[in-house]
All heavy atoms as atom14 arrays in JSON, in Angstrom:
{
  "sequence": "VSHASSDGGSSRTLGPLTLGVEAGERVLLLGPSGVGKSTLLAAIAGVL",
  "atom14_mask": [
    [1, 1, 1, 1, 1, 1, 1, 0, 0, 0, 0, 0, 0, 0],
    [1, 1, 1, 1, 1, 1, 0, 0, 0, 0, 0, 0, 0, 0],
    [1, 1, 1, 1, 1, 1, 1, 1, 1, 1, 0, 0, 0, 0],
    [1, 1, 1, 1, 1, 0, 0, 0, 0, 0, 0, 0, 0, 0],
    [1, 1, 1, 1, 1, 1, 0, 0, 0, 0, 0, 0, 0, 0],
    [1, 1, 1, 1, 1, 1, 0, 0, 0, 0, 0, 0, 0, 0],
    [1, 1, 1, 1, 1, 1, 1, 1, 0, 0, 0, 0, 0, 0],
    [1, 1, 1, 1, 0, 0, 0, 0, 0, 0, 0, 0, 0, 0],
    [1, 1, 1, 1, 0, 0, 0, 0, 0, 0, 0, 0, 0, 0],
    [1, 1, 1, 1, 1, 1, 0, 0, 0, 0, 0, 0, 0, 0],
    [1, 1, 1, 1, 1, 1, 0, 0, 0, 0, 0, 0, 0, 0],
    [1, 1, 1, 1, 1, 1, 1, 1, 1, 1, 1, 0, 0, 0],
    [1, 1, 1, 1, 1, 1, 1, 0, 0, 0, 0, 0, 0, 0],
    [1, 1, 1, 1, 1, 1, 1, 1, 0, 0, 0, 0, 0, 0],
    [1, 1, 1, 1, 0, 0, 0, 0, 0, 0, 0, 0, 0, 0],
    [1, 1, 1, 1, 1, 1, 1, 0, 0, 0, 0, 0, 0, 0],
    [1, 1, 1, 1, 1, 1, 1, 1, 0, 0, 0, 0, 0, 0],
    [1, 1, 1, 1, 1, 1, 1, 0, 0, 0, 0, 0, 0, 0],
    [1, 1, 1, 1, 1, 1, 1, 1, 0, 0, 0, 0, 0, 0],
    [1, 1, 1, 1, 0, 0, 0, 0, 0, 0, 0, 0, 0, 0],
    [1, 1, 1, 1, 1, 1, 1, 0, 0, 0, 0, 0, 0, 0],
    [1, 1, 1, 1, 1, 1, 1, 1, 1, 0, 0, 0, 0, 0],
    [1, 1, 1, 1, 1, 0, 0, 0, 0, 0, 0, 0, 0, 0],
    [1, 1, 1, 1, 0, 0, 0, 0, 0, 0, 0, 0, 0, 0],
    [1, 1, 1, 1, 1, 1, 1, 1, 1, 0, 0, 0, 0, 0],
    [1, 1, 1, 1, 1, 1, 1, 1, 1, 1, 1, 0, 0, 0],
    [1, 1, 1, 1, 1, 1, 1, 0, 0, 0, 0, 0, 0, 0],
    [1, 1, 1, 1, 1, 1, 1, 1, 0, 0, 0, 0, 0, 0],
    [1, 1, 1, 1, 1, 1, 1, 1, 0, 0, 0, 0, 0, 0],
    [1, 1, 1, 1, 1, 1, 1, 1, 0, 0, 0, 0, 0, 0],
    [1, 1, 1, 1, 0, 0, 0, 0, 0, 0, 0, 0, 0, 0],
    [1, 1, 1, 1, 1, 1, 1, 0, 0, 0, 0, 0, 0, 0],
    [1, 1, 1, 1, 1, 1, 0, 0, 0, 0, 0, 0, 0, 0],
    [1, 1, 1, 1, 0, 0, 0, 0, 0, 0, 0, 0, 0, 0],
    [1, 1, 1, 1, 1, 1, 1, 0, 0, 0, 0, 0, 0, 0],
    [1, 1, 1, 1, 0, 0, 0, 0, 0, 0, 0, 0, 0, 0],
    [1, 1, 1, 1, 1, 1, 1, 1, 1, 0, 0, 0, 0, 0],
    [1, 1, 1, 1, 1, 1, 0, 0, 0, 0, 0, 0, 0, 0],
    [1, 1, 1, 1, 1, 1, 1, 0, 0, 0, 0, 0, 0, 0],
    [1, 1, 1, 1, 1, 1, 1, 1, 0, 0, 0, 0, 0, 0],
    [1, 1, 1, 1, 1, 1, 1, 1, 0, 0, 0, 0, 0, 0],
    [1, 1, 1, 1, 1, 0, 0, 0, 0, 0, 0, 0, 0, 0],
    [1, 1, 1, 1, 1, 0, 0, 0, 0, 0, 0, 0, 0, 0],
    [1, 1, 1, 1, 1, 1, 1, 1, 0, 0, 0, 0, 0, 0],
    [1, 1, 1, 1, 1, 0, 0, 0, 0, 0, 0, 0, 0, 0],
    [1, 1, 1, 1, 0, 0, 0, 0, 0, 0, 0, 0, 0, 0],
    [1, 1, 1, 1, 1, 1, 1, 0, 0, 0, 0, 0, 0, 0],
    [1, 1, 1, 1, 1, 1, 1, 1, 0, 0, 0, 0, 0, 0]
  ],
  "atom14_positions": [
    [[-20.83, -80.57, 127.46], [-21.58, -79.83, 126.5], [-23.07, -79.83, 126.91], [-23.6, -80.85, 127.33], [-21.42, -80.49, 125.08], [-22.3, -79.75, 124.05], [-20.03, -80.53, 124.63], [0.0, 0.0, 0.0], [0.0, 0.0, 0.0], [0.0, 0.0, 0.0], [0.0, 0.0, 0.0], [0.0, 0.0, 0.0], [0.0, 0.0, 0.0], [0.0, 0.0, 0.0]],
    [[-23.67, -78.67, 126.8], [-25.1, -78.54, 127.06], [-25.77, -77.94, 125.88], [-25.21, -77.2, 125.1], [-25.34, -77.59, 128.26], [-24.71, -78.12, 129.43], [0.0, 0.0, 0.0], [0.0, 0.0, 0.0], [0.0, 0.0, 0.0], [0.0, 0.0, 0.0], [0.0, 0.0, 0.0], [0.0, 0.0, 0.0], [0.0, 0.0, 0.0], [0.0, 0.0, 0.0]],
    [[-27.04, -78.31, 125.66], [-27.86, -77.73, 124.64], [-29.06, -76.99, 125.24], [-29.57, -77.42, 126.28], [-28.4, -78.83, 123.66], [-27.39, -79.41, 122.82], [-26.61, -80.5, 123.17], [-26.98, -79.05, 121.54], [-25.72, -80.78, 122.15], [-25.97, -79.92, 121.19], [0.0, 0.0, 0.0], [0.0, 0.0, 0.0], [0.0, 0.0, 0.0], [0.0, 0.0, 0.0]],
    [[-29.48, -75.9, 124.58], [-30.64, -75.22, 125.05], [-31.85, -76.09, 124.95], [-31.99, -76.83, 123.97], [-30.83, -73.91, 124.26], [0.0, 0.0, 0.0], [0.0, 0.0, 0.0], [0.0, 0.0, 0.0], [0.0, 0.0, 0.0], [0.0, 0.0, 0.0], [0.0, 0.0, 0.0], [0.0, 0.0, 0.0], [0.0, 0.0, 0.0], [0.0, 0.0, 0.0]],
    [[-32.72, -76.05, 125.92], [-33.92, -76.82, 125.88], [-35.11, -75.95, 125.51], [-35.0, -74.69, 125.58], [-34.21, -77.52, 127.2], [-34.32, -76.59, 128.27], [0.0, 0.0, 0.0], [0.0, 0.0, 0.0], [0.0, 0.0, 0.0], [0.0, 0.0, 0.0], [0.0, 0.0, 0.0], [0.0, 0.0, 0.0], [0.0, 0.0, 0.0], [0.0, 0.0, 0.0]],
    [[-36.2, -76.53, 125.1], [-37.39, -75.79, 124.64], [-38.02, -74.92, 125.73], [-38.66, -73.9, 125.46], [-38.38, -76.67, 124.06], [-38.81, -77.68, 125.02], [0.0, 0.0, 0.0], [0.0, 0.0, 0.0], [0.0, 0.0, 0.0], [0.0, 0.0, 0.0], [0.0, 0.0, 0.0], [0.0, 0.0, 0.0], [0.0, 0.0, 0.0], [0.0, 0.0, 0.0]],
    [[-37.77, -75.23, 126.98], [-38.35, -74.49, 128.1], [-37.46, -73.3, 128.49], [-37.73, -72.67, 129.55], [-38.67, -75.38, 129.28], [-37.36, -75.97, 129.92], [-36.28, -75.68, 129.47], [-37.55, -76.78, 130.81], [0.0, 0.0, 0.0], [0.0, 0.0, 0.0], [0.0, 0.0, 0.0], [0.0, 0.0, 0.0], [0.0, 0.0, 0.0], [0.0, 0.0, 0.0]],
    [[-36.41, -73.01, 127.73], [-35.56, -71.93, 128.07], [-34.33, -72.29, 128.93], [-33.43, -71.47, 129.13], [0.0, 0.0, 0.0], [0.0, 0.0, 0.0], [0.0, 0.0, 0.0], [0.0, 0.0, 0.0], [0.0, 0.0, 0.0], [0.0, 0.0, 0.0], [0.0, 0.0, 0.0], [0.0, 0.0, 0.0], [0.0, 0.0, 0.0], [0.0, 0.0, 0.0]],
    [[-34.31, -73.49, 129.45], [-33.18, -73.94, 130.23], [-32.15, -74.6, 129.37], [-32.07, -74.34, 128.19], [0.0, 0.0, 0.0], [0.0, 0.0, 0.0], [0.0, 0.0, 0.0], [0.0, 0.0, 0.0], [0.0, 0.0, 0.0], [0.0, 0.0, 0.0], [0.0, 0.0, 0.0], [0.0, 0.0, 0.0], [0.0, 0.0, 0.0], [0.0, 0.0, 0.0]],
    [[-31.41, -75.5, 129.95], [-30.42, -76.24, 129.22], [-30.38, -77.66, 129.73], [-30.69, -77.88, 130.87], [-29.07, -75.58, 129.21], [-28.5, -75.66, 130.48], [0.0, 0.0, 0.0], [0.0, 0.0, 0.0], [0.0, 0.0, 0.0], [0.0, 0.0, 0.0], [0.0, 0.0, 0.0], [0.0, 0.0, 0.0], [0.0, 0.0, 0.0], [0.0, 0.0, 0.0]],
    [[-29.89, -78.58, 128.85], [-29.75, -79.98, 129.3], [-28.35, -80.4, 128.87], [-27.94, -80.14, 127.82], [-30.81, -80.88, 128.73], [-30.72, -80.88, 127.28], [0.0, 0.0, 0.0], [0.0, 0.0, 0.0], [0.0, 0.0, 0.0], [0.0, 0.0, 0.0], [0.0, 0.0, 0.0], [0.0, 0.0, 0.0], [0.0, 0.0, 0.0], [0.0, 0.0, 0.0]],
    [[-27.68, -81.11, 129.82], [-26.37, -81.6, 129.53], [-26.48, -82.74, 128.57], [-27.18, -83.69, 128.76], [-25.67, -82.03, 130.81], [-24.21, -82.4, 130.49], [-23.4, -82.8, 131.71], [-23.42, -81.77, 132.71], [-23.32, -81.98, 133.98], [-23.1, -83.21, 134.43], [-23.36, -80.99, 134.84], [0.0, 0.0, 0.0], [0.0, 0.0, 0.0], [0.0, 0.0, 0.0]],
    [[-25.65, -82.65, 127.53], [-25.6, -83.67, 126.45], [-24.44, -84.66, 126.72], [-24.5, -85.82, 126.39], [-25.44, -83.07, 125.08], [-26.52, -82.15, 124.91], [-25.48, -84.06, 123.99], [0.0, 0.0, 0.0], [0.0, 0.0, 0.0], [0.0, 0.0, 0.0], [0.0, 0.0, 0.0], [0.0, 0.0, 0.0], [0.0, 0.0, 0.0], [0.0, 0.0, 0.0]],
    [[-23.38, -84.14, 127.29], [-22.1, -84.83, 127.41], [-21.38, -84.38, 128.66], [-21.33, -83.17, 128.94], [-21.28, -84.59, 126.19], [-19.88, -85.18, 126.15], [-19.89, -86.63, 126.06], [-19.08, -84.56, 125.04], [0.0, 0.0, 0.0], [0.0, 0.0, 0.0], [0.0, 0.0, 0.0], [0.0, 0.0, 0.0], [0.0, 0.0, 0.0], [0.0, 0.0, 0.0]],
    [[-20.78, -85.34, 129.38], [-19.83, -84.97, 130.42], [-20.43, -84.71, 131.74], [-21.62, -84.97, 132.01], [0.0, 0.0, 0.0], [0.0, 0.0, 0.0], [0.0, 0.0, 0.0], [0.0, 0.0, 0.0], [0.0, 0.0, 0.0], [0.0, 0.0, 0.0], [0.0, 0.0, 0.0], [0.0, 0.0, 0.0], [0.0, 0.0, 0.0], [0.0, 0.0, 0.0]],
    [[-19.61, -84.21, 132.64], [-18.19, -83.79, 132.43], [-17.2, -84.98, 132.27], [-17.37, -86.01, 132.94], [-17.82, -82.97, 133.66], [-18.76, -83.48, 134.73], [-20.0, -83.97, 134.05], [0.0, 0.0, 0.0], [0.0, 0.0, 0.0], [0.0, 0.0, 0.0], [0.0, 0.0, 0.0], [0.0, 0.0, 0.0], [0.0, 0.0, 0.0], [0.0, 0.0, 0.0]],
    [[-16.31, -84.81, 131.34], [-15.23, -85.84, 131.05], [-13.86, -85.22, 131.26], [-13.55, -84.13, 130.89], [-15.31, -86.24, 129.59], [-16.58, -87.0, 129.14], [-16.54, -87.2, 127.63], [-16.71, -88.34, 129.83], [0.0, 0.0, 0.0], [0.0, 0.0, 0.0], [0.0, 0.0, 0.0], [0.0, 0.0, 0.0], [0.0, 0.0, 0.0], [0.0, 0.0, 0.0]],
    [[-13.03, -86.08, 131.83], [-11.59, -85.78, 131.91], [-10.88, -86.99, 131.39], [-11.01, -88.12, 131.95], [-11.21, -85.49, 133.38], [-11.9, -84.34, 133.83], [-9.67, -85.25, 133.46], [0.0, 0.0, 0.0], [0.0, 0.0, 0.0], [0.0, 0.0, 0.0], [0.0, 0.0, 0.0], [0.0, 0.0, 0.0], [0.0, 0.0, 0.0], [0.0, 0.0, 0.0]],
    [[-10.08, -86.83, 130.33], [-9.37, -87.91, 129.71], [-8.32, -87.42, 128.77], [-8.25, -86.27, 128.41], [-10.32, -88.86, 128.98], [-11.03, -88.33, 127.74], [-10.28, -88.64, 126.42], [-12.43, -88.92, 127.63], [0.0, 0.0, 0.0], [0.0, 0.0, 0.0], [0.0, 0.0, 0.0], [0.0, 0.0, 0.0], [0.0, 0.0, 0.0], [0.0, 0.0, 0.0]],
    [[-7.4, -88.3, 128.45], [-6.39, -88.01, 127.48], [-6.16, -89.13, 126.52], [-6.29, -90.29, 126.89], [0.0, 0.0, 0.0], [0.0, 0.0, 0.0], [0.0, 0.0, 0.0], [0.0, 0.0, 0.0], [0.0, 0.0, 0.0], [0.0, 0.0, 0.0], [0.0, 0.0, 0.0], [0.0, 0.0, 0.0], [0.0, 0.0, 0.0], [0.0, 0.0, 0.0]],
    [[-5.87, -88.75, 125.25], [-5.53, -89.78, 124.25], [-4.19, -89.39, 123.65], [-3.99, -88.28, 123.19], [-6.6, -89.77, 123.14], [-6.23, -90.8, 122.09], [-7.97, -90.08, 123.71], [0.0, 0.0, 0.0], [0.0, 0.0, 0.0], [0.0, 0.0, 0.0], [0.0, 0.0, 0.0], [0.0, 0.0, 0.0], [0.0, 0.0, 0.0], [0.0, 0.0, 0.0]],
    [[-3.22, -90.29, 123.74], [-1.88, -90.05, 123.17], [-1.87, -90.31, 121.69], [-2.66, -91.05, 121.13], [-0.87, -90.99, 123.81], [-0.72, -90.82, 125.33], [0.07, -89.58, 125.72], [0.7, -88.96, 124.87], [-0.02, -89.23, 126.91], [0.0, 0.0, 0.0], [0.0, 0.0, 0.0], [0.0, 0.0, 0.0], [0.0, 0.0, 0.0], [0.0, 0.0, 0.0]],
    [[-0.96, -89.63, 120.98], [-0.79, -89.82, 119.54], [-0.5, -91.32, 119.3], [0.26, -91.95, 120.01], [0.33, -88.98, 119.02], [0.0, 0.0, 0.0], [0.0, 0.0, 0.0], [0.0, 0.0, 0.0], [0.0, 0.0, 0.0], [0.0, 0.0, 0.0], [0.0, 0.0, 0.0], [0.0, 0.0, 0.0], [0.0, 0.0, 0.0], [0.0, 0.0, 0.0]],
    [[-1.2, -91.91, 118.29], [-1.01, -93.33, 117.98], [-1.85, -94.29, 118.82], [-1.94, -95.49, 118.46], [0.0, 0.0, 0.0], [0.0, 0.0, 0.0], [0.0, 0.0, 0.0], [0.0, 0.0, 0.0], [0.0, 0.0, 0.0], [0.0, 0.0, 0.0], [0.0, 0.0, 0.0], [0.0, 0.0, 0.0], [0.0, 0.0, 0.0], [0.0, 0.0, 0.0]],
    [[-2.44, -93.81, 119.9], [-3.31, -94.64, 120.7], [-4.63, -94.89, 120.01], [-5.14, -94.05, 119.36], [-3.53, -93.92, 122.05], [-4.22, -94.76, 123.09], [-4.34, -94.06, 124.44], [-3.98, -92.86, 124.52], [-4.85, -94.68, 125.36], [0.0, 0.0, 0.0], [0.0, 0.0, 0.0], [0.0, 0.0, 0.0], [0.0, 0.0, 0.0], [0.0, 0.0, 0.0]],
    [[-5.16, -96.1, 120.14], [-6.46, -96.4, 119.57], [-7.49, -96.51, 120.68], [-7.21, -97.13, 121.69], [-6.36, -97.72, 118.85], [-5.51, -97.65, 117.6], [-5.36, -99.0, 116.97], [-4.27, -99.03, 116.03], [-4.39, -98.83, 114.72], [-5.62, -98.7, 114.23], [-3.33, -98.84, 113.93], [0.0, 0.0, 0.0], [0.0, 0.0, 0.0], [0.0, 0.0, 0.0]],
    [[-8.58, -95.88, 120.44], [-9.64, -95.77, 121.48], [-10.98, -96.2, 120.9], [-11.34, -95.79, 119.77], [-9.73, -94.28, 121.99], [-10.83, -94.18, 122.99], [-8.4, -93.87, 122.57], [0.0, 0.0, 0.0], [0.0, 0.0, 0.0], [0.0, 0.0, 0.0], [0.0, 0.0, 0.0], [0.0, 0.0, 0.0], [0.0, 0.0, 0.0], [0.0, 0.0, 0.0]],
    [[-11.72, -97.01, 121.67], [-13.04, -97.38, 121.25], [-14.01, -96.51, 122.06], [-13.99, -96.43, 123.23], [-13.33, -98.86, 121.59], [-14.73, -99.32, 121.4], [-15.17, -99.25, 119.92], [-14.88, -100.79, 121.94], [0.0, 0.0, 0.0], [0.0, 0.0, 0.0], [0.0, 0.0, 0.0], [0.0, 0.0, 0.0], [0.0, 0.0, 0.0], [0.0, 0.0, 0.0]],
    [[-14.89, -95.84, 121.31], [-15.91, -95.03, 121.94], [-17.23, -95.82, 121.77], [-17.76, -96.02, 120.65], [-16.01, -93.67, 121.2], [-17.0, -92.64, 121.74], [-16.62, -92.33, 123.23], [-16.86, -91.39, 120.9], [0.0, 0.0, 0.0], [0.0, 0.0, 0.0], [0.0, 0.0, 0.0], [0.0, 0.0, 0.0], [0.0, 0.0, 0.0], [0.0, 0.0, 0.0]],
    [[-17.79, -96.34, 122.92], [-18.88, -97.21, 122.88], [-19.95, -96.76, 123.86], [-19.67, -96.3, 124.93], [-18.37, -98.57, 123.3], [-19.37, -99.79, 123.34], [-19.84, -100.12, 121.92], [-18.69, -100.96, 123.92], [0.0, 0.0, 0.0], [0.0, 0.0, 0.0], [0.0, 0.0, 0.0], [0.0, 0.0, 0.0], [0.0, 0.0, 0.0], [0.0, 0.0, 0.0]],
    [[-21.21, -96.9, 123.47], [-22.3, -96.56, 124.33], [-23.62, -96.58, 123.59], [-23.65, -96.54, 122.33], [0.0, 0.0, 0.0], [0.0, 0.0, 0.0], [0.0, 0.0, 0.0], [0.0, 0.0, 0.0], [0.0, 0.0, 0.0], [0.0, 0.0, 0.0], [0.0, 0.0, 0.0], [0.0, 0.0, 0.0], [0.0, 0.0, 0.0], [0.0, 0.0, 0.0]],
    [[-24.71, -96.6, 124.3], [-26.01, -96.61, 123.68], [-26.31, -95.25, 122.96], [-25.67, -94.26, 123.18], [-26.99, -96.83, 124.81], [-26.26, -96.43, 126.07], [-24.8, -96.6, 125.78], [0.0, 0.0, 0.0], [0.0, 0.0, 0.0], [0.0, 0.0, 0.0], [0.0, 0.0, 0.0], [0.0, 0.0, 0.0], [0.0, 0.0, 0.0], [0.0, 0.0, 0.0]],
    [[-27.28, -95.3, 122.12], [-27.71, -94.13, 121.34], [-28.09, -92.99, 122.32], [-28.74, -93.25, 123.34], [-28.92, -94.5, 120.45], [-29.3, -93.4, 119.71], [0.0, 0.0, 0.0], [0.0, 0.0, 0.0], [0.0, 0.0, 0.0], [0.0, 0.0, 0.0], [0.0, 0.0, 0.0], [0.0, 0.0, 0.0], [0.0, 0.0, 0.0], [0.0, 0.0, 0.0]],
    [[-27.64, -91.81, 122.01], [-28.06, -90.63, 122.76], [-27.2, -90.27, 123.94], [-27.57, -89.4, 124.66], [0.0, 0.0, 0.0], [0.0, 0.0, 0.0], [0.0, 0.0, 0.0], [0.0, 0.0, 0.0], [0.0, 0.0, 0.0], [0.0, 0.0, 0.0], [0.0, 0.0, 0.0], [0.0, 0.0, 0.0], [0.0, 0.0, 0.0], [0.0, 0.0, 0.0]],
    [[-26.03, -90.94, 124.15], [-25.26, -90.66, 125.3], [-24.12, -89.61, 125.0], [-23.43, -89.16, 125.94], [-24.55, -91.89, 125.93], [-25.62, -92.81, 126.44], [-23.6, -92.59, 124.97], [0.0, 0.0, 0.0], [0.0, 0.0, 0.0], [0.0, 0.0, 0.0], [0.0, 0.0, 0.0], [0.0, 0.0, 0.0], [0.0, 0.0, 0.0], [0.0, 0.0, 0.0]],
    [[-24.04, -89.09, 123.75], [-23.07, -88.05, 123.46], [-21.83, -88.45, 122.68], [-20.92, -87.66, 122.53], [0.0, 0.0, 0.0], [0.0, 0.0, 0.0], [0.0, 0.0, 0.0], [0.0, 0.0, 0.0], [0.0, 0.0, 0.0], [0.0, 0.0, 0.0], [0.0, 0.0, 0.0], [0.0, 0.0, 0.0], [0.0, 0.0, 0.0], [0.0, 0.0, 0.0]],
    [[-21.83, -89.68, 122.14], [-20.63, -90.11, 121.33], [-20.36, -89.15, 120.14], [-19.25, -88.69, 119.95], [-20.8, -91.55, 120.87], [-20.95, -92.57, 121.94], [-21.15, -93.97, 121.37], [-22.34, -94.13, 120.45], [-23.68, -93.99, 121.05], [0.0, 0.0, 0.0], [0.0, 0.0, 0.0], [0.0, 0.0, 0.0], [0.0, 0.0, 0.0], [0.0, 0.0, 0.0]],
    [[-21.39, -88.94, 119.37], [-21.23, -87.97, 118.2], [-20.86, -86.62, 118.63], [-20.08, -85.95, 117.99], [-22.5, -88.01, 117.33], [-22.7, -89.28, 116.79], [0.0, 0.0, 0.0], [0.0, 0.0, 0.0], [0.0, 0.0, 0.0], [0.0, 0.0, 0.0], [0.0, 0.0, 0.0], [0.0, 0.0, 0.0], [0.0, 0.0, 0.0], [0.0, 0.0, 0.0]],
    [[-21.48, -86.14, 119.68], [-21.15, -84.83, 120.21], [-19.71, -84.69, 120.6], [-19.02, -83.7, 120.28], [-22.09, -84.5, 121.43], [-23.42, -84.53, 121.01], [-21.78, -83.13, 121.99], [0.0, 0.0, 0.0], [0.0, 0.0, 0.0], [0.0, 0.0, 0.0], [0.0, 0.0, 0.0], [0.0, 0.0, 0.0], [0.0, 0.0, 0.0], [0.0, 0.0, 0.0]],
    [[-19.17, -85.72, 121.32], [-17.78, -85.73, 121.65], [-16.87, -85.7, 120.44], [-15.93, -84.91, 120.35], [-17.44, -86.97, 122.51], [-15.98, -87.16, 122.82], [-15.47, -85.93, 123.66], [-15.77, -88.44, 123.65], [0.0, 0.0, 0.0], [0.0, 0.0, 0.0], [0.0, 0.0, 0.0], [0.0, 0.0, 0.0], [0.0, 0.0, 0.0], [0.0, 0.0, 0.0]],
    [[-17.16, -86.52, 119.4], [-16.35, -86.57, 118.24], [-16.43, -85.27, 117.47], [-15.44, -84.76, 116.92], [-16.76, -87.73, 117.33], [-16.45, -89.08, 118.01], [-16.98, -90.22, 117.11], [-14.98, -89.3, 118.22], [0.0, 0.0, 0.0], [0.0, 0.0, 0.0], [0.0, 0.0, 0.0], [0.0, 0.0, 0.0], [0.0, 0.0, 0.0], [0.0, 0.0, 0.0]],
    [[-17.6, -84.59, 117.43], [-17.74, -83.36, 116.74], [-16.94, -82.26, 117.49], [-16.32, -81.39, 116.88], [-19.21, -82.94, 116.7], [0.0, 0.0, 0.0], [0.0, 0.0, 0.0], [0.0, 0.0, 0.0], [0.0, 0.0, 0.0], [0.0, 0.0, 0.0], [0.0, 0.0, 0.0], [0.0, 0.0, 0.0], [0.0, 0.0, 0.0], [0.0, 0.0, 0.0]],
    [[-16.9, -82.32, 118.82], [-16.14, -81.41, 119.61], [-14.64, -81.55, 119.33], [-13.9, -80.56, 119.14], [-16.39, -81.56, 121.08], [0.0, 0.0, 0.0], [0.0, 0.0, 0.0], [0.0, 0.0, 0.0], [0.0, 0.0, 0.0], [0.0, 0.0, 0.0], [0.0, 0.0, 0.0], [0.0, 0.0, 0.0], [0.0, 0.0, 0.0], [0.0, 0.0, 0.0]],
    [[-14.14, -82.78, 119.25], [-12.74, -83.04, 119.01], [-12.37, -82.56, 117.61], [-11.3, -82.03, 117.34], [-12.4, -84.49, 119.23], [-12.5, -84.85, 120.72], [-10.99, -84.81, 118.68], [-12.44, -86.36, 120.98], [0.0, 0.0, 0.0], [0.0, 0.0, 0.0], [0.0, 0.0, 0.0], [0.0, 0.0, 0.0], [0.0, 0.0, 0.0], [0.0, 0.0, 0.0]],
    [[-13.32, -82.72, 116.68], [-13.07, -82.31, 115.28], [-13.2, -80.77, 115.12], [-12.84, -80.19, 114.06], [-14.0, -82.99, 114.35], [0.0, 0.0, 0.0], [0.0, 0.0, 0.0], [0.0, 0.0, 0.0], [0.0, 0.0, 0.0], [0.0, 0.0, 0.0], [0.0, 0.0, 0.0], [0.0, 0.0, 0.0], [0.0, 0.0, 0.0], [0.0, 0.0, 0.0]],
    [[-13.6, -80.06, 116.14], [-13.67, -78.64, 116.15], [-14.91, -78.04, 115.46], [-14.9, -76.91, 114.99], [0.0, 0.0, 0.0], [0.0, 0.0, 0.0], [0.0, 0.0, 0.0], [0.0, 0.0, 0.0], [0.0, 0.0, 0.0], [0.0, 0.0, 0.0], [0.0, 0.0, 0.0], [0.0, 0.0, 0.0], [0.0, 0.0, 0.0], [0.0, 0.0, 0.0]],
    [[-15.97, -78.79, 115.29], [-17.14, -78.4, 114.57], [-18.33, -77.96, 115.51], [-19.33, -77.58, 114.98], [-17.62, -79.35, 113.49], [-16.51, -79.53, 112.46], [-18.02, -80.69, 114.12], [0.0, 0.0, 0.0], [0.0, 0.0, 0.0], [0.0, 0.0, 0.0], [0.0, 0.0, 0.0], [0.0, 0.0, 0.0], [0.0, 0.0, 0.0], [0.0, 0.0, 0.0]],
    [[-18.07, -77.98, 116.8], [-19.21, -77.64, 117.7], [-19.14, -76.11, 118.04], [-20.11, -75.57, 118.56], [-19.09, -78.39, 118.98], [-19.72, -79.72, 119.11], [-19.73, -80.18, 120.59], [-21.16, -79.76, 118.58], [0.0, 0.0, 0.0], [0.0, 0.0, 0.0], [0.0, 0.0, 0.0], [0.0, 0.0, 0.0], [0.0, 0.0, 0.0], [0.0, 0.0, 0.0]]
  ]
}
């Protein structure tokens, strides 16, 4: 995922990621602030 930047370009917010989560599998999403955790979850929820 990339976001438009103020200078007219874009900056990558997340990825590239390749992964799979099976039904019933539990996954911990961990990382420092600003690395794209919320962006990833919003993408999976279909709100991006």
